[in-house]
Amino acid sequence: MLALGRSFRSTALRPVIQRGQDHCVVSGRLQQKNRAPLAIGIQRERKGGFTIRIDGETVRSAVELAKILPLQLINAASYLLIEGGPKLRRQFIDWGVFHVEHRFYEEWRRMQRALKQRNAILRAGGTAQQLLPWDRELIESGEFVHNARLRYLESFCPVFQKMLAELCDLDGISLSYRAGWDKTLSFAEALKASQARDQNRGLTHVGPQRADLKIAAYTEDAGQVLSRGQQKLVVSALRLAQTHCLTEQTGAHCLLLVDDLPAEMDAEHQRRLCGLLAALDMQLFITCIDAGEIERFSWPAGRELQWFHVKQGEITALNT
């Protein structure tokens, strides 16, 4: 809630708000190294409104929360990053770019606006002349988004391969970026070549909005050949690589949520994952169903640990 303005389970807030109440409030205090503490909070209304405050000041967008509280999640639905549609993988890339490229969000929004306007003209049967100004806007912003993604992936992919090698013994895993148009053409050329089809069908068929990060195992679609356990290892390496790149490129630290860490992971891979988590120097929230599973985790000496027990909505600290 503090990082995204919503639950990771759903964009709907009604299930999160206590029955009989008209809103919920979540607040926290952030402490980054060498920076003053920062108070943040969000109030979400049952009827749909929200209020966000950062250090006593009201802000308009949840994007401001995302800027100051980078968050990653590994949970039971993580496999969807591999098996799900391209939109999830675009969001994965864009999370990384957003935190390292200052202009990215502005250009991404500009691209979305141009795309929306262009599609509206296409659906209305508009002419090429009417499309022209939006084509220019889409090409300029789209090329920025495309190139920013390429720059990010150039530094990200080697880190991912290193994380994966330390986490497991899976061979043949590769990442490749597909731009969303014929790679032998520029975006402007591809958009022009697709114009007749776009006008016939009322939709823009090429562009960064069609991009994908292909995750392959020995050239095959990883979602088709890897087990759920193997997929969780690959996704864990992807998420950890992003946190590493964030810190290396910006100096900021990520908050990582790991829901049911032992699920679909044997003791050896749990041990390796814990070692990687500890080495990343960030705050972790890890859940398990059985307290005994937590006791089996191996953490480096000196790592500060705090255990909590959750029962019927009540949270109790166990080792204060």
C-alpha atoms as a PDB file:
ATOM      1  CA  MET A   1       0.000   0.000   0.000  1.00  0.00           C
ATOM      2  CA  LEU A   2       2.759   2.464   0.881  1.00  0.00           C
ATOM      3  CA  ALA A   3       4.772   1.737  -2.255  1.00  0.00           C
ATOM      4  CA  LEU A   4       2.002   1.396  -4.840  1.00  0.00           C
ATOM      5  CA  GLY A   5      -1.046   3.022  -3.305  1.00  0.00           C
ATOM      6  CA  ARG A   6      -2.849  -0.306  -3.525  1.00  0.00           C
ATOM      7  CA  SER A   7      -2.591  -3.952  -2.504  1.00  0.00           C
ATOM      8  CA  PHE A   8      -0.504  -6.275  -4.667  1.00  0.00           C
ATOM      9  CA  ARG A   9      -3.423  -8.726  -4.635  1.00  0.00           C
ATOM     10  CA  SER A  10      -5.889  -6.461  -6.404  1.00  0.00           C
ATOM     11  CA  THR A  11      -6.486  -2.881  -7.501  1.00  0.00           C
ATOM     12  CA  ALA A  12      -9.839  -3.080  -5.672  1.00  0.00           C
ATOM     13  CA  LEU A  13      -9.625  -1.590  -2.178  1.00  0.00           C
ATOM     14  CA  ARG A  14     -12.968  -2.730  -0.762  1.00  0.00           C
ATOM     15  CA  PRO A  15     -11.581  -6.089   0.511  1.00  0.00           C
ATOM     16  CA  VAL A  16      -8.781  -4.238   2.352  1.00  0.00           C
ATOM     17  CA  ILE A  17     -10.999  -1.756   4.191  1.00  0.00           C
ATOM     18  CA  GLN A  18     -12.424  -3.075   7.445  1.00  0.00           C
ATOM     19  CA  ARG A  19     -16.135  -3.835   7.386  1.00  0.00           C
ATOM     20  CA  GLY A  20     -18.179  -0.918   8.673  1.00  0.00           C
ATOM     21  CA  GLN A  21     -15.431   1.633   7.943  1.00  0.00           C
ATOM     22  CA  ASP A  22     -15.374   4.133   5.092  1.00  0.00           C
ATOM     23  CA  HIS A  23     -11.591   4.250   4.625  1.00  0.00           C
ATOM     24  CA  CYS A  24      -8.257   2.670   5.533  1.00  0.00           C
ATOM     25  CA  VAL A  25      -4.967   4.359   6.466  1.00  0.00           C
ATOM     26  CA  VAL A  26      -1.441   3.003   6.137  1.00  0.00           C
ATOM     27  CA  SER A  27       1.536   5.035   7.330  1.00  0.00           C
ATOM     28  CA  GLY A  28       5.228   4.458   7.796  1.00  0.00           C
ATOM     29  CA  ARG A  29       8.585   6.045   8.413  1.00  0.00           C
ATOM     30  CA  LEU A  30      11.409   5.541   5.918  1.00  0.00           C
ATOM     31  CA  GLN A  31      15.069   5.619   6.832  1.00  0.00           C
ATOM     32  CA  GLN A  32      17.541   5.541   3.957  1.00  0.00           C
ATOM     33  CA  LYS A  33      21.268   5.600   4.634  1.00  0.00           C
ATOM     34  CA  ASN A  34      22.707   9.099   5.027  1.00  0.00           C
ATOM     35  CA  ARG A  35      19.261  10.688   4.702  1.00  0.00           C
ATOM     36  CA  ALA A  36      16.795  12.172   7.159  1.00  0.00           C
ATOM     37  CA  PRO A  37      13.800   9.964   8.110  1.00  0.00           C
ATOM     38  CA  LEU A  38      10.757  10.465   5.909  1.00  0.00           C
ATOM     39  CA  ALA A  39       7.134  10.065   7.056  1.00  0.00           C
ATOM     40  CA  ILE A  40       4.701   8.780   4.441  1.00  0.00           C
ATOM     41  CA  GLY A  41       1.049   7.795   4.539  1.00  0.00           C
ATOM     42  CA  ILE A  42      -1.926   7.005   2.362  1.00  0.00           C
ATOM     43  CA  GLN A  43      -5.643   7.044   3.059  1.00  0.00           C
ATOM     44  CA  ARG A  44      -7.905   5.187   0.634  1.00  0.00           C
ATOM     45  CA  GLU A  45     -11.650   5.778   0.641  1.00  0.00           C
ATOM     46  CA  ARG A  46     -14.237   3.067   0.129  1.00  0.00           C
ATOM     47  CA  LYS A  47     -15.839   5.296  -2.511  1.00  0.00           C
ATOM     48  CA  GLY A  48     -12.594   5.542  -4.454  1.00  0.00           C
ATOM     49  CA  GLY A  49     -10.803   8.714  -3.360  1.00  0.00           C
ATOM     50  CA  PHE A  50      -7.358   8.838  -1.781  1.00  0.00           C
ATOM     51  CA  THR A  51      -5.000  11.163   0.077  1.00  0.00           C
ATOM     52  CA  ILE A  52      -1.218  10.771   0.032  1.00  0.00           C
ATOM     53  CA  ARG A  53       1.109  12.671   2.350  1.00  0.00           C
ATOM     54  CA  ILE A  54       4.906  12.678   2.219  1.00  0.00           C
ATOM     55  CA  ASP A  55       6.757  14.445   5.005  1.00  0.00           C
ATOM     56  CA  GLY A  56       3.636  16.408   5.902  1.00  0.00           C
ATOM     57  CA  GLU A  57       2.916  17.525   2.335  1.00  0.00           C
ATOM     58  CA  THR A  58      -0.049  16.285   0.293  1.00  0.00           C
ATOM     59  CA  VAL A  59       0.904  14.906  -3.131  1.00  0.00           C
ATOM     60  CA  ARG A  60      -1.364  14.110  -6.066  1.00  0.00           C
ATOM     61  CA  SER A  61       0.000  10.865  -7.462  1.00  0.00           C
ATOM     62  CA  ALA A  62       0.962   7.440  -6.148  1.00  0.00           C
ATOM     63  CA  VAL A  63       3.969   7.703  -8.466  1.00  0.00           C
ATOM     64  CA  GLU A  64       5.581   9.844  -5.759  1.00  0.00           C
ATOM     65  CA  LEU A  65       5.295   6.894  -3.367  1.00  0.00           C
ATOM     66  CA  ALA A  66       6.913   4.560  -5.890  1.00  0.00           C
ATOM     67  CA  LYS A  67       9.848   6.959  -6.272  1.00  0.00           C
ATOM     68  CA  ILE A  68      10.751   6.957  -2.593  1.00  0.00           C
ATOM     69  CA  LEU A  69       9.809   3.377  -1.693  1.00  0.00           C
ATOM     70  CA  PRO A  70      11.042   0.934  -4.373  1.00  0.00           C
ATOM     71  CA  LEU A  71       9.439  -2.423  -3.666  1.00  0.00           C
ATOM     72  CA  GLN A  72       9.775  -5.924  -5.084  1.00  0.00           C
ATOM     73  CA  LEU A  73       7.510  -8.912  -4.444  1.00  0.00           C
ATOM     74  CA  ILE A  74       8.107 -12.656  -4.703  1.00  0.00           C
ATOM     75  CA  ASN A  75       4.945 -14.661  -4.063  1.00  0.00           C
ATOM     76  CA  ALA A  76       2.871 -17.587  -5.303  1.00  0.00           C
ATOM     77  CA  ALA A  77       1.852 -15.665  -8.415  1.00  0.00           C
ATOM     78  CA  SER A  78       5.446 -14.853  -9.409  1.00  0.00           C
ATOM     79  CA  TYR A  79       5.393 -17.537 -12.129  1.00  0.00           C
ATOM     80  CA  LEU A  80       3.034 -15.244 -14.088  1.00  0.00           C
ATOM     81  CA  LEU A  81       6.051 -13.114 -14.980  1.00  0.00           C
ATOM     82  CA  ILE A  82       7.108 -16.085 -17.121  1.00  0.00           C
ATOM     83  CA  GLU A  83       3.786 -17.681 -18.072  1.00  0.00           C
ATOM     84  CA  GLY A  84       1.678 -14.515 -18.265  1.00  0.00           C
ATOM     85  CA  GLY A  85       1.289 -12.049 -21.099  1.00  0.00           C
ATOM     86  CA  PRO A  86       3.807  -9.481 -22.368  1.00  0.00           C
ATOM     87  CA  LYS A  87       2.223  -6.666 -20.343  1.00  0.00           C
ATOM     88  CA  LEU A  88       3.603  -8.126 -17.091  1.00  0.00           C
ATOM     89  CA  ARG A  89       7.109  -8.337 -18.520  1.00  0.00           C
ATOM     90  CA  ARG A  90       6.918  -4.795 -19.901  1.00  0.00           C
ATOM     91  CA  GLN A  91       5.897  -3.638 -16.425  1.00  0.00           C
ATOM     92  CA  PHE A  92       8.885  -5.532 -15.015  1.00  0.00           C
ATOM     93  CA  ILE A  93      11.324  -3.747 -17.337  1.00  0.00           C
ATOM     94  CA  ASP A  94       9.653  -0.375 -16.850  1.00  0.00           C
ATOM     95  CA  TRP A  95       9.921  -0.667 -13.054  1.00  0.00           C
ATOM     96  CA  GLY A  96      13.683  -0.854 -13.414  1.00  0.00           C
ATOM     97  CA  VAL A  97      13.919   1.949 -15.977  1.00  0.00           C
ATOM     98  CA  PHE A  98      11.586   4.193 -13.949  1.00  0.00           C
ATOM     99  CA  HIS A  99      13.981   4.155 -10.991  1.00  0.00           C
ATOM    100  CA  VAL A 100      17.159   4.904 -12.981  1.00  0.00           C
ATOM    101  CA  GLU A 101      16.005   7.181 -15.853  1.00  0.00           C
ATOM    102  CA  HIS A 102      14.575  10.475 -14.580  1.00  0.00           C
ATOM    103  CA  ARG A 103      12.714  11.295 -17.812  1.00  0.00           C
ATOM    104  CA  PHE A 104      11.284   7.837 -18.354  1.00  0.00           C
ATOM    105  CA  TYR A 105       7.919   8.205 -16.637  1.00  0.00           C
ATOM    106  CA  GLU A 106       7.245  11.539 -18.350  1.00  0.00           C
ATOM    107  CA  GLU A 107       8.038  10.084 -21.788  1.00  0.00           C
ATOM    108  CA  TRP A 108       6.123   6.880 -21.056  1.00  0.00           C
ATOM    109  CA  ARG A 109       3.018   8.926 -20.180  1.00  0.00           C
ATOM    110  CA  ARG A 110       3.521  11.029 -23.296  1.00  0.00           C
ATOM    111  CA  MET A 111       3.648   7.830 -25.370  1.00  0.00           C
ATOM    112  CA  GLN A 112       0.462   6.507 -23.752  1.00  0.00           C
ATOM    113  CA  ARG A 113      -1.395   9.756 -24.451  1.00  0.00           C
ATOM    114  CA  ALA A 114      -0.285   9.778 -28.087  1.00  0.00           C
ATOM    115  CA  LEU A 115      -1.244   6.136 -28.483  1.00  0.00           C
ATOM    116  CA  LYS A 116      -4.691   6.752 -26.997  1.00  0.00           C
ATOM    117  CA  GLN A 117      -5.317   9.702 -29.304  1.00  0.00           C
ATOM    118  CA  ARG A 118      -4.040   7.826 -32.362  1.00  0.00           C
ATOM    119  CA  ASN A 119      -6.254   4.824 -31.642  1.00  0.00           C
ATOM    120  CA  ALA A 120      -9.286   7.091 -31.169  1.00  0.00           C
ATOM    121  CA  ILE A 121      -8.674   8.652 -34.612  1.00  0.00           C
ATOM    122  CA  LEU A 122      -8.220   5.195 -36.154  1.00  0.00           C
ATOM    123  CA  ARG A 123     -11.485   3.943 -34.659  1.00  0.00           C
ATOM    124  CA  ALA A 124     -13.274   7.041 -35.968  1.00  0.00           C
ATOM    125  CA  GLY A 125     -11.960   6.391 -39.497  1.00  0.00           C
ATOM    126  CA  GLY A 126      -9.615   9.374 -39.465  1.00  0.00           C
ATOM    127  CA  THR A 127      -7.324  10.362 -42.329  1.00  0.00           C
ATOM    128  CA  ALA A 128      -3.556  10.122 -42.587  1.00  0.00           C
ATOM    129  CA  GLN A 129      -3.391  13.898 -42.176  1.00  0.00           C
ATOM    130  CA  GLN A 130      -5.264  13.681 -38.870  1.00  0.00           C
ATOM    131  CA  LEU A 131      -2.896  10.945 -37.693  1.00  0.00           C
ATOM    132  CA  LEU A 132       0.261  12.879 -38.575  1.00  0.00           C
ATOM    133  CA  PRO A 133       0.730  15.002 -35.405  1.00  0.00           C
ATOM    134  CA  TRP A 134       0.054  12.019 -33.164  1.00  0.00           C
ATOM    135  CA  ASP A 135       2.402   9.870 -35.224  1.00  0.00           C
ATOM    136  CA  ARG A 136       5.180  12.385 -34.552  1.00  0.00           C
ATOM    137  CA  GLU A 137       4.384  12.462 -30.847  1.00  0.00           C
ATOM    138  CA  LEU A 138       4.237   8.670 -30.649  1.00  0.00           C
ATOM    139  CA  ILE A 139       7.510   8.215 -32.544  1.00  0.00           C
ATOM    140  CA  GLU A 140       9.455  10.702 -30.398  1.00  0.00           C
ATOM    141  CA  SER A 141       8.227   9.398 -27.059  1.00  0.00           C
ATOM    142  CA  GLY A 142       8.173   5.767 -28.192  1.00  0.00           C
ATOM    143  CA  GLU A 143      11.791   5.875 -29.334  1.00  0.00           C
ATOM    144  CA  PHE A 144      12.830   7.324 -25.974  1.00  0.00           C
ATOM    145  CA  VAL A 145      10.974   4.546 -24.119  1.00  0.00           C
ATOM    146  CA  HIS A 146      12.462   1.892 -26.416  1.00  0.00           C
ATOM    147  CA  ASN A 147      16.044   3.153 -26.078  1.00  0.00           C
ATOM    148  CA  ALA A 148      15.736   3.577 -22.311  1.00  0.00           C
ATOM    149  CA  ARG A 149      14.621  -0.052 -22.028  1.00  0.00           C
ATOM    150  CA  LEU A 150      17.558  -1.193 -24.156  1.00  0.00           C
ATOM    151  CA  ARG A 151      20.041   0.742 -22.009  1.00  0.00           C
ATOM    152  CA  TYR A 152      18.588  -0.748 -18.853  1.00  0.00           C
ATOM    153  CA  LEU A 153      18.609  -4.325 -20.144  1.00  0.00           C
ATOM    154  CA  GLU A 154      22.228  -3.987 -21.279  1.00  0.00           C
ATOM    155  CA  SER A 155      23.282  -3.546 -17.648  1.00  0.00           C
ATOM    156  CA  PHE A 156      20.568  -5.783 -16.184  1.00  0.00           C
ATOM    157  CA  CYS A 157      21.089  -9.016 -18.134  1.00  0.00           C
ATOM    158  CA  PRO A 158      24.652  -9.778 -16.885  1.00  0.00           C
ATOM    159  CA  VAL A 159      23.522  -9.193 -13.282  1.00  0.00           C
ATOM    160  CA  PHE A 160      20.565 -11.552 -13.794  1.00  0.00           C
ATOM    161  CA  GLN A 161      22.822 -14.296 -15.153  1.00  0.00           C
ATOM    162  CA  LYS A 162      25.153 -13.906 -12.166  1.00  0.00           C
ATOM    163  CA  MET A 163      22.256 -14.075  -9.691  1.00  0.00           C
ATOM    164  CA  LEU A 164      20.777 -17.107 -11.412  1.00  0.00           C
ATOM    165  CA  ALA A 165      24.109 -18.952 -11.362  1.00  0.00           C
ATOM    166  CA  GLU A 166      24.465 -18.329  -7.621  1.00  0.00           C
ATOM    167  CA  LEU A 167      20.885 -19.369  -6.942  1.00  0.00           C
ATOM    168  CA  CYS A 168      20.606 -22.588  -8.946  1.00  0.00           C
ATOM    169  CA  ASP A 169      22.188 -24.817 -11.575  1.00  0.00           C
ATOM    170  CA  LEU A 170      19.752 -24.086 -14.398  1.00  0.00           C
ATOM    171  CA  ASP A 171      21.571 -23.860 -17.720  1.00  0.00           C
ATOM    172  CA  GLY A 172      20.397 -22.355 -20.968  1.00  0.00           C
ATOM    173  CA  ILE A 173      18.242 -19.561 -19.533  1.00  0.00           C
ATOM    174  CA  SER A 174      18.383 -16.445 -21.711  1.00  0.00           C
ATOM    175  CA  LEU A 175      16.633 -13.085 -22.008  1.00  0.00           C
ATOM    176  CA  SER A 176      15.912 -11.233 -25.235  1.00  0.00           C
ATOM    177  CA  TYR A 177      14.021  -8.012 -25.841  1.00  0.00           C
ATOM    178  CA  ARG A 178      11.515  -7.704 -28.655  1.00  0.00           C
ATOM    179  CA  ALA A 179      10.836  -4.110 -29.565  1.00  0.00           C
ATOM    180  CA  GLY A 180       7.257  -4.480 -30.802  1.00  0.00           C
ATOM    181  CA  TRP A 181       8.036  -4.007 -34.504  1.00  0.00           C
ATOM    182  CA  ASP A 182      10.229  -5.469 -37.264  1.00  0.00           C
ATOM    183  CA  LYS A 183      13.804  -5.003 -36.038  1.00  0.00           C
ATOM    184  CA  THR A 184      15.021  -4.287 -39.586  1.00  0.00           C
ATOM    185  CA  LEU A 185      12.964  -1.071 -39.576  1.00  0.00           C
ATOM    186  CA  SER A 186      13.016   2.081 -37.479  1.00  0.00           C
ATOM    187  CA  PHE A 187       9.911   2.750 -35.402  1.00  0.00           C
ATOM    188  CA  ALA A 188       8.890   5.532 -37.809  1.00  0.00           C
ATOM    189  CA  GLU A 189       9.269   3.184 -40.803  1.00  0.00           C
ATOM    190  CA  ALA A 190       7.346   0.400 -39.068  1.00  0.00           C
ATOM    191  CA  LEU A 191       4.520   2.764 -38.100  1.00  0.00           C
ATOM    192  CA  LYS A 192       4.220   3.998 -41.686  1.00  0.00           C
ATOM    193  CA  ALA A 193       4.267   0.462 -43.085  1.00  0.00           C
ATOM    194  CA  SER A 194       1.512  -0.560 -40.684  1.00  0.00           C
ATOM    195  CA  GLN A 195      -0.735   2.441 -41.315  1.00  0.00           C
ATOM    196  CA  ALA A 196      -3.099   0.753 -43.775  1.00  0.00           C
ATOM    197  CA  ARG A 197      -3.636  -2.195 -41.449  1.00  0.00           C
ATOM    198  CA  ASP A 198      -4.062   0.159 -38.495  1.00  0.00           C
ATOM    199  CA  GLN A 199      -6.751   2.118 -40.352  1.00  0.00           C
ATOM    200  CA  ASN A 200      -8.552  -1.044 -41.433  1.00  0.00           C
ATOM    201  CA  ARG A 201      -8.667  -2.440 -37.897  1.00  0.00           C
ATOM    202  CA  GLY A 202      -8.830   0.751 -35.832  1.00  0.00           C
ATOM    203  CA  LEU A 203      -5.754  -0.067 -33.718  1.00  0.00           C
ATOM    204  CA  THR A 204      -2.028   0.694 -33.611  1.00  0.00           C
ATOM    205  CA  HIS A 205      -0.295  -2.633 -34.215  1.00  0.00           C
ATOM    206  CA  VAL A 206       3.379  -1.714 -33.764  1.00  0.00           C
ATOM    207  CA  GLY A 207       5.331   0.168 -31.124  1.00  0.00           C
ATOM    208  CA  PRO A 208       6.862  -0.105 -27.637  1.00  0.00           C
ATOM    209  CA  GLN A 209       3.391  -0.899 -26.264  1.00  0.00           C
ATOM    210  CA  ARG A 210       3.807  -4.284 -28.015  1.00  0.00           C
ATOM    211  CA  ALA A 211       7.292  -5.000 -26.653  1.00  0.00           C
ATOM    212  CA  ASP A 212       8.135  -8.165 -24.750  1.00  0.00           C
ATOM    213  CA  LEU A 213      10.974  -9.628 -22.715  1.00  0.00           C
ATOM    214  CA  LYS A 214      11.314 -13.199 -23.931  1.00  0.00           C
ATOM    215  CA  ILE A 215      12.510 -15.641 -21.271  1.00  0.00           C
ATOM    216  CA  ALA A 216      13.819 -18.815 -22.875  1.00  0.00           C
ATOM    217  CA  ALA A 217      15.231 -22.142 -21.726  1.00  0.00           C
ATOM    218  CA  TYR A 218      17.438 -23.618 -24.454  1.00  0.00           C
ATOM    219  CA  THR A 219      15.622 -21.449 -27.043  1.00  0.00           C
ATOM    220  CA  GLU A 220      12.203 -22.753 -25.906  1.00  0.00           C
ATOM    221  CA  ASP A 221       9.595 -20.653 -24.088  1.00  0.00           C
ATOM    222  CA  ALA A 222      10.557 -20.972 -20.399  1.00  0.00           C
ATOM    223  CA  GLY A 223       6.903 -21.077 -19.385  1.00  0.00           C
ATOM    224  CA  GLN A 224       6.444 -24.249 -21.417  1.00  0.00           C
ATOM    225  CA  VAL A 225       9.489 -26.214 -20.262  1.00  0.00           C
ATOM    226  CA  LEU A 226      10.295 -25.155 -16.687  1.00  0.00           C
ATOM    227  CA  SER A 227       8.559 -26.553 -13.607  1.00  0.00           C
ATOM    228  CA  ARG A 228       6.895 -24.163 -11.166  1.00  0.00           C
ATOM    229  CA  GLY A 229       9.818 -24.575  -8.791  1.00  0.00           C
ATOM    230  CA  GLN A 230      12.301 -23.722 -11.545  1.00  0.00           C
ATOM    231  CA  GLN A 231      10.165 -20.764 -12.586  1.00  0.00           C
ATOM    232  CA  LYS A 232      10.224 -19.447  -9.021  1.00  0.00           C
ATOM    233  CA  LEU A 233      14.024 -19.619  -9.032  1.00  0.00           C
ATOM    234  CA  VAL A 234      14.235 -17.723 -12.333  1.00  0.00           C
ATOM    235  CA  VAL A 235      11.787 -15.059 -11.152  1.00  0.00           C
ATOM    236  CA  SER A 236      13.659 -14.734  -7.852  1.00  0.00           C
ATOM    237  CA  ALA A 237      16.871 -14.117  -9.808  1.00  0.00           C
ATOM    238  CA  LEU A 238      15.074 -11.534 -11.968  1.00  0.00           C
ATOM    239  CA  ARG A 239      13.734  -9.679  -8.922  1.00  0.00           C
ATOM    240  CA  LEU A 240      17.021  -9.780  -7.043  1.00  0.00           C
ATOM    241  CA  ALA A 241      18.910  -8.570 -10.100  1.00  0.00           C
ATOM    242  CA  GLN A 242      16.592  -5.560 -10.245  1.00  0.00           C
ATOM    243  CA  THR A 243      17.231  -4.682  -6.608  1.00  0.00           C
ATOM    244  CA  HIS A 244      20.982  -4.971  -7.200  1.00  0.00           C
ATOM    245  CA  CYS A 245      20.833  -2.726 -10.299  1.00  0.00           C
ATOM    246  CA  LEU A 246      18.759  -0.172  -8.406  1.00  0.00           C
ATOM    247  CA  THR A 247      21.333   0.131  -5.642  1.00  0.00           C
ATOM    248  CA  GLU A 248      24.317   0.096  -8.006  1.00  0.00           C
ATOM    249  CA  GLN A 249      22.901   2.784 -10.290  1.00  0.00           C
ATOM    250  CA  THR A 250      21.124   5.072  -7.811  1.00  0.00           C
ATOM    251  CA  GLY A 251      22.395   4.255  -4.314  1.00  0.00           C
ATOM    252  CA  ALA A 252      18.801   3.625  -3.180  1.00  0.00           C
ATOM    253  CA  HIS A 253      17.744   0.439  -1.413  1.00  0.00           C
ATOM    254  CA  CYS A 254      14.745  -1.688  -2.234  1.00  0.00           C
ATOM    255  CA  LEU A 255      12.225  -3.232   0.133  1.00  0.00           C
ATOM    256  CA  LEU A 256      11.604  -6.910  -0.668  1.00  0.00           C
ATOM    257  CA  LEU A 257       8.490  -8.888   0.265  1.00  0.00           C
ATOM    258  CA  VAL A 258       8.782 -12.693   0.038  1.00  0.00           C
ATOM    259  CA  ASP A 259       5.521 -14.517   0.658  1.00  0.00           C
ATOM    260  CA  ASP A 260       5.831 -18.198   1.693  1.00  0.00           C
ATOM    261  CA  LEU A 261       9.525 -18.518   0.904  1.00  0.00           C
ATOM    262  CA  PRO A 262       9.745 -22.344   1.224  1.00  0.00           C
ATOM    263  CA  ALA A 263       6.928 -23.011  -1.259  1.00  0.00           C
ATOM    264  CA  GLU A 264       8.146 -25.025  -4.269  1.00  0.00           C
ATOM    265  CA  MET A 265      11.753 -24.677  -3.124  1.00  0.00           C
ATOM    266  CA  ASP A 266      13.928 -27.343  -1.492  1.00  0.00           C
ATOM    267  CA  ALA A 267      16.253 -26.730   1.469  1.00  0.00           C
ATOM    268  CA  GLU A 268      19.361 -26.183  -0.680  1.00  0.00           C
ATOM    269  CA  HIS A 269      17.725 -23.528  -2.836  1.00  0.00           C
ATOM    270  CA  GLN A 270      16.229 -21.884   0.261  1.00  0.00           C
ATOM    271  CA  ARG A 271      19.755 -21.673   1.681  1.00  0.00           C
ATOM    272  CA  ARG A 272      21.118 -20.144  -1.512  1.00  0.00           C
ATOM    273  CA  LEU A 273      18.269 -17.656  -1.758  1.00  0.00           C
ATOM    274  CA  CYS A 274      18.743 -16.538   1.837  1.00  0.00           C
ATOM    275  CA  GLY A 275      22.434 -16.008   1.149  1.00  0.00           C
ATOM    276  CA  LEU A 276      21.645 -13.773  -1.817  1.00  0.00           C
ATOM    277  CA  LEU A 277      18.990 -11.882   0.117  1.00  0.00           C
ATOM    278  CA  ALA A 278      21.365 -11.199   2.990  1.00  0.00           C
ATOM    279  CA  ALA A 279      24.124 -10.007   0.637  1.00  0.00           C
ATOM    280  CA  LEU A 280      21.867  -7.380  -0.955  1.00  0.00           C
ATOM    281  CA  ASP A 281      21.750  -5.198   2.179  1.00  0.00           C
ATOM    282  CA  MET A 282      18.065  -4.337   2.152  1.00  0.00           C
ATOM    283  CA  GLN A 283      15.071  -4.722   4.409  1.00  0.00           C
ATOM    284  CA  LEU A 284      13.164  -7.972   3.961  1.00  0.00           C
ATOM    285  CA  PHE A 285       9.723  -9.146   4.995  1.00  0.00           C
ATOM    286  CA  ILE A 286       9.482 -12.943   4.713  1.00  0.00           C
ATOM    287  CA  THR A 287       6.428 -15.052   5.544  1.00  0.00           C
ATOM    288  CA  CYS A 288       6.025 -18.761   6.239  1.00  0.00           C
ATOM    289  CA  ILE A 289       3.091 -20.861   7.366  1.00  0.00           C
ATOM    290  CA  ASP A 290       5.111 -22.910   9.869  1.00  0.00           C
ATOM    291  CA  ALA A 291       7.477 -21.232  12.366  1.00  0.00           C
ATOM    292  CA  GLY A 292       9.776 -24.246  12.065  1.00  0.00           C
ATOM    293  CA  GLU A 293      10.452 -23.333   8.450  1.00  0.00           C
ATOM    294  CA  ILE A 294      11.839 -19.973   9.542  1.00  0.00           C
ATOM    295  CA  GLU A 295      14.148 -21.645  12.054  1.00  0.00           C
ATOM    296  CA  ARG A 296      15.708 -23.718   9.265  1.00  0.00           C
ATOM    297  CA  PHE A 297      16.756 -20.628   7.311  1.00  0.00           C
ATOM    298  CA  SER A 298      20.444 -19.861   7.514  1.00  0.00           C
ATOM    299  CA  TRP A 299      21.357 -16.190   7.819  1.00  0.00           C
ATOM    300  CA  PRO A 300      24.867 -14.727   8.047  1.00  0.00           C
ATOM    301  CA  ALA A 301      26.070 -13.742  11.497  1.00  0.00           C
ATOM    302  CA  GLY A 302      25.284 -10.147  12.389  1.00  0.00           C
ATOM    303  CA  ARG A 303      22.124  -9.925  10.307  1.00  0.00           C
ATOM    304  CA  GLU A 304      19.453  -8.225  12.419  1.00  0.00           C
ATOM    305  CA  LEU A 305      16.358 -10.435  12.647  1.00  0.00           C
ATOM    306  CA  GLN A 306      12.909  -9.774  14.060  1.00  0.00           C
ATOM    307  CA  TRP A 307      10.221 -12.471  14.195  1.00  0.00           C
ATOM    308  CA  PHE A 308       6.485 -11.852  14.267  1.00  0.00           C
ATOM    309  CA  HIS A 309       3.480 -14.125  14.654  1.00  0.00           C
ATOM    310  CA  VAL A 310       0.215 -13.279  12.873  1.00  0.00           C
ATOM    311  CA  LYS A 311      -2.972 -14.836  14.226  1.00  0.00           C
ATOM    312  CA  GLN A 312      -6.516 -13.720  13.424  1.00  0.00           C
ATOM    313  CA  GLY A 313      -5.260 -10.334  12.250  1.00  0.00           C
ATOM    314  CA  GLU A 314      -3.152  -9.643  15.349  1.00  0.00           C
ATOM    315  CA  ILE A 315       0.611  -9.205  14.948  1.00  0.00           C
ATOM    316  CA  THR A 316       2.872 -10.120  17.866  1.00  0.00           C
ATOM    317  CA  ALA A 317       6.640  -9.559  18.014  1.00  0.00           C
ATOM    318  CA  LEU A 318       8.308 -12.757  19.261  1.00  0.00           C
ATOM    319  CA  ASN A 319      11.873 -11.703  20.061  1.00  0.00           C
ATOM    320  CA  THR A 320      11.765  -8.083  21.179  1.00  0.00           C
END
